[in-house]
Amino acid sequence: MKIYCCLEHTELALDVMVDEIELAPVFEKIENSADKKSCEYCENEAVYVVGN
């Protein structure tokens, strides 16, 4: 499971991941412009991929 999120929604993504997998997720900063996606909670550009 991966969640793409903007800076504003990182805390929400953390809470969702902890609830879903019951482990601390890994935050990866998106640096490659080819990997750019939009935030899953708003229309802003995603800055992090939160996953396990």
N, C-alpha and C. Protein backbone atom coordinates (compact mmCIF):
# COMPACT_ATOMS: atom_id res chain seq x y z
N MET A 1 0.85 -1.18 0.00
CA MET A 1 0.00 0.00 0.00
C MET A 1 0.89 1.24 0.00
N LYS A 2 0.56 2.19 -0.84
CA LYS A 2 1.28 3.45 -0.91
C LYS A 2 0.28 4.59 -0.97
N ILE A 3 0.61 5.67 -0.30
CA ILE A 3 -0.21 6.88 -0.34
C ILE A 3 0.68 8.03 -0.81
N TYR A 4 0.24 8.72 -1.84
CA TYR A 4 0.93 9.92 -2.31
C TYR A 4 0.29 11.11 -1.62
N CYS A 5 1.12 11.97 -1.00
CA CYS A 5 0.54 13.09 -0.26
C CYS A 5 1.40 14.34 -0.38
N CYS A 6 0.72 15.48 -0.23
CA CYS A 6 1.42 16.76 -0.20
C CYS A 6 1.93 17.00 1.23
N LEU A 7 2.65 18.06 1.41
CA LEU A 7 3.21 18.38 2.71
C LEU A 7 2.13 18.58 3.77
N GLU A 8 1.03 19.17 3.37
CA GLU A 8 -0.07 19.46 4.29
C GLU A 8 -0.74 18.19 4.82
N HIS A 9 -0.76 17.12 4.04
CA HIS A 9 -1.49 15.92 4.42
C HIS A 9 -0.59 14.76 4.87
N THR A 10 0.67 15.01 5.21
CA THR A 10 1.55 13.93 5.64
C THR A 10 1.08 13.30 6.95
N GLU A 11 0.59 14.10 7.86
CA GLU A 11 0.11 13.57 9.14
C GLU A 11 -1.11 12.67 8.94
N LEU A 12 -2.01 13.06 8.06
CA LEU A 12 -3.18 12.24 7.75
C LEU A 12 -2.76 10.92 7.11
N ALA A 13 -1.81 10.97 6.18
CA ALA A 13 -1.32 9.74 5.55
C ALA A 13 -0.66 8.82 6.58
N LEU A 14 0.07 9.40 7.51
CA LEU A 14 0.69 8.61 8.58
C LEU A 14 -0.38 7.91 9.41
N ASP A 15 -1.41 8.64 9.81
CA ASP A 15 -2.49 8.05 10.60
C ASP A 15 -3.19 6.92 9.86
N VAL A 16 -3.46 7.12 8.58
CA VAL A 16 -4.14 6.09 7.78
C VAL A 16 -3.28 4.84 7.68
N MET A 17 -1.99 5.01 7.41
CA MET A 17 -1.10 3.85 7.28
C MET A 17 -0.98 3.09 8.58
N VAL A 18 -0.85 3.78 9.68
CA VAL A 18 -0.75 3.11 10.98
C VAL A 18 -2.03 2.34 11.28
N ASP A 19 -3.18 2.92 10.97
CA ASP A 19 -4.45 2.23 11.16
C ASP A 19 -4.56 0.99 10.27
N GLU A 20 -4.08 1.08 9.04
CA GLU A 20 -4.21 -0.01 8.07
C GLU A 20 -3.23 -1.16 8.34
N ILE A 21 -1.95 -0.84 8.53
CA ILE A 21 -0.94 -1.90 8.61
C ILE A 21 -0.39 -2.09 10.02
N GLU A 22 -0.74 -1.21 10.93
CA GLU A 22 -0.34 -1.29 12.34
C GLU A 22 1.17 -1.33 12.54
N LEU A 23 1.89 -0.71 11.61
CA LEU A 23 3.34 -0.54 11.70
C LEU A 23 3.69 0.87 11.27
N ALA A 24 4.85 1.34 11.69
CA ALA A 24 5.30 2.66 11.26
C ALA A 24 5.65 2.61 9.77
N PRO A 25 5.08 3.50 8.97
CA PRO A 25 5.36 3.49 7.53
C PRO A 25 6.67 4.19 7.20
N VAL A 26 7.10 4.02 5.97
CA VAL A 26 8.30 4.67 5.46
C VAL A 26 7.87 5.87 4.63
N PHE A 27 8.50 7.02 4.88
CA PHE A 27 8.25 8.22 4.09
C PHE A 27 9.38 8.38 3.09
N GLU A 28 9.04 8.46 1.81
CA GLU A 28 10.04 8.69 0.77
C GLU A 28 9.70 9.99 0.06
N LYS A 29 10.67 10.89 -0.01
CA LYS A 29 10.46 12.15 -0.72
C LYS A 29 10.51 11.88 -2.22
N ILE A 30 9.55 12.44 -2.95
CA ILE A 30 9.51 12.29 -4.40
C ILE A 30 10.45 13.33 -5.01
N GLU A 31 11.51 12.85 -5.64
CA GLU A 31 12.49 13.77 -6.23
C GLU A 31 12.53 13.67 -7.75
N ASN A 32 12.14 12.53 -8.29
CA ASN A 32 12.16 12.32 -9.73
C ASN A 32 10.89 12.92 -10.33
N SER A 33 11.03 13.83 -11.25
CA SER A 33 9.86 14.49 -11.84
C SER A 33 8.96 13.51 -12.59
N ALA A 34 9.49 12.37 -13.03
CA ALA A 34 8.67 11.37 -13.71
C ALA A 34 7.72 10.67 -12.74
N ASP A 35 8.04 10.70 -11.45
CA ASP A 35 7.21 10.04 -10.43
C ASP A 35 6.18 10.98 -9.81
N LYS A 36 6.12 12.21 -10.28
CA LYS A 36 5.21 13.19 -9.69
C LYS A 36 3.75 12.78 -9.88
N LYS A 37 3.02 12.85 -8.81
CA LYS A 37 1.59 12.55 -8.82
C LYS A 37 0.90 13.60 -7.97
N SER A 38 -0.42 13.56 -7.96
CA SER A 38 -1.14 14.50 -7.11
C SER A 38 -1.45 13.84 -5.76
N CYS A 39 -1.65 14.66 -4.77
CA CYS A 39 -1.99 14.21 -3.42
C CYS A 39 -3.32 13.46 -3.47
N GLU A 40 -3.42 12.40 -2.69
CA GLU A 40 -4.66 11.62 -2.66
C GLU A 40 -5.77 12.29 -1.86
N TYR A 41 -5.45 13.37 -1.15
CA TYR A 41 -6.44 14.05 -0.32
C TYR A 41 -6.83 15.42 -0.86
N CYS A 42 -6.07 15.93 -1.82
CA CYS A 42 -6.37 17.22 -2.44
C CYS A 42 -5.78 17.22 -3.84
N GLU A 43 -5.79 18.33 -4.50
CA GLU A 43 -5.27 18.42 -5.88
C GLU A 43 -3.83 18.92 -5.95
N ASN A 44 -3.19 19.15 -4.81
CA ASN A 44 -1.81 19.63 -4.81
C ASN A 44 -0.85 18.53 -5.27
N GLU A 45 0.34 18.95 -5.66
CA GLU A 45 1.36 18.00 -6.08
C GLU A 45 1.87 17.20 -4.87
N ALA A 46 1.99 15.89 -5.01
CA ALA A 46 2.49 15.05 -3.92
C ALA A 46 3.96 15.31 -3.70
N VAL A 47 4.37 15.34 -2.43
CA VAL A 47 5.76 15.55 -2.06
C VAL A 47 6.35 14.25 -1.50
N TYR A 48 5.51 13.43 -0.87
CA TYR A 48 5.95 12.19 -0.26
C TYR A 48 5.13 11.00 -0.73
N VAL A 49 5.78 9.84 -0.70
CA VAL A 49 5.10 8.55 -0.85
C VAL A 49 5.21 7.89 0.52
N VAL A 50 4.07 7.56 1.09
CA VAL A 50 4.03 6.93 2.40
C VAL A 50 3.67 5.47 2.16
N GLY A 51 4.51 4.55 2.61
CA GLY A 51 4.25 3.14 2.36
C GLY A 51 4.90 2.26 3.39
N ASN A 52 4.84 0.96 3.12
CA ASN A 52 5.42 -0.01 4.06
C ASN A 52 6.50 -0.81 3.41
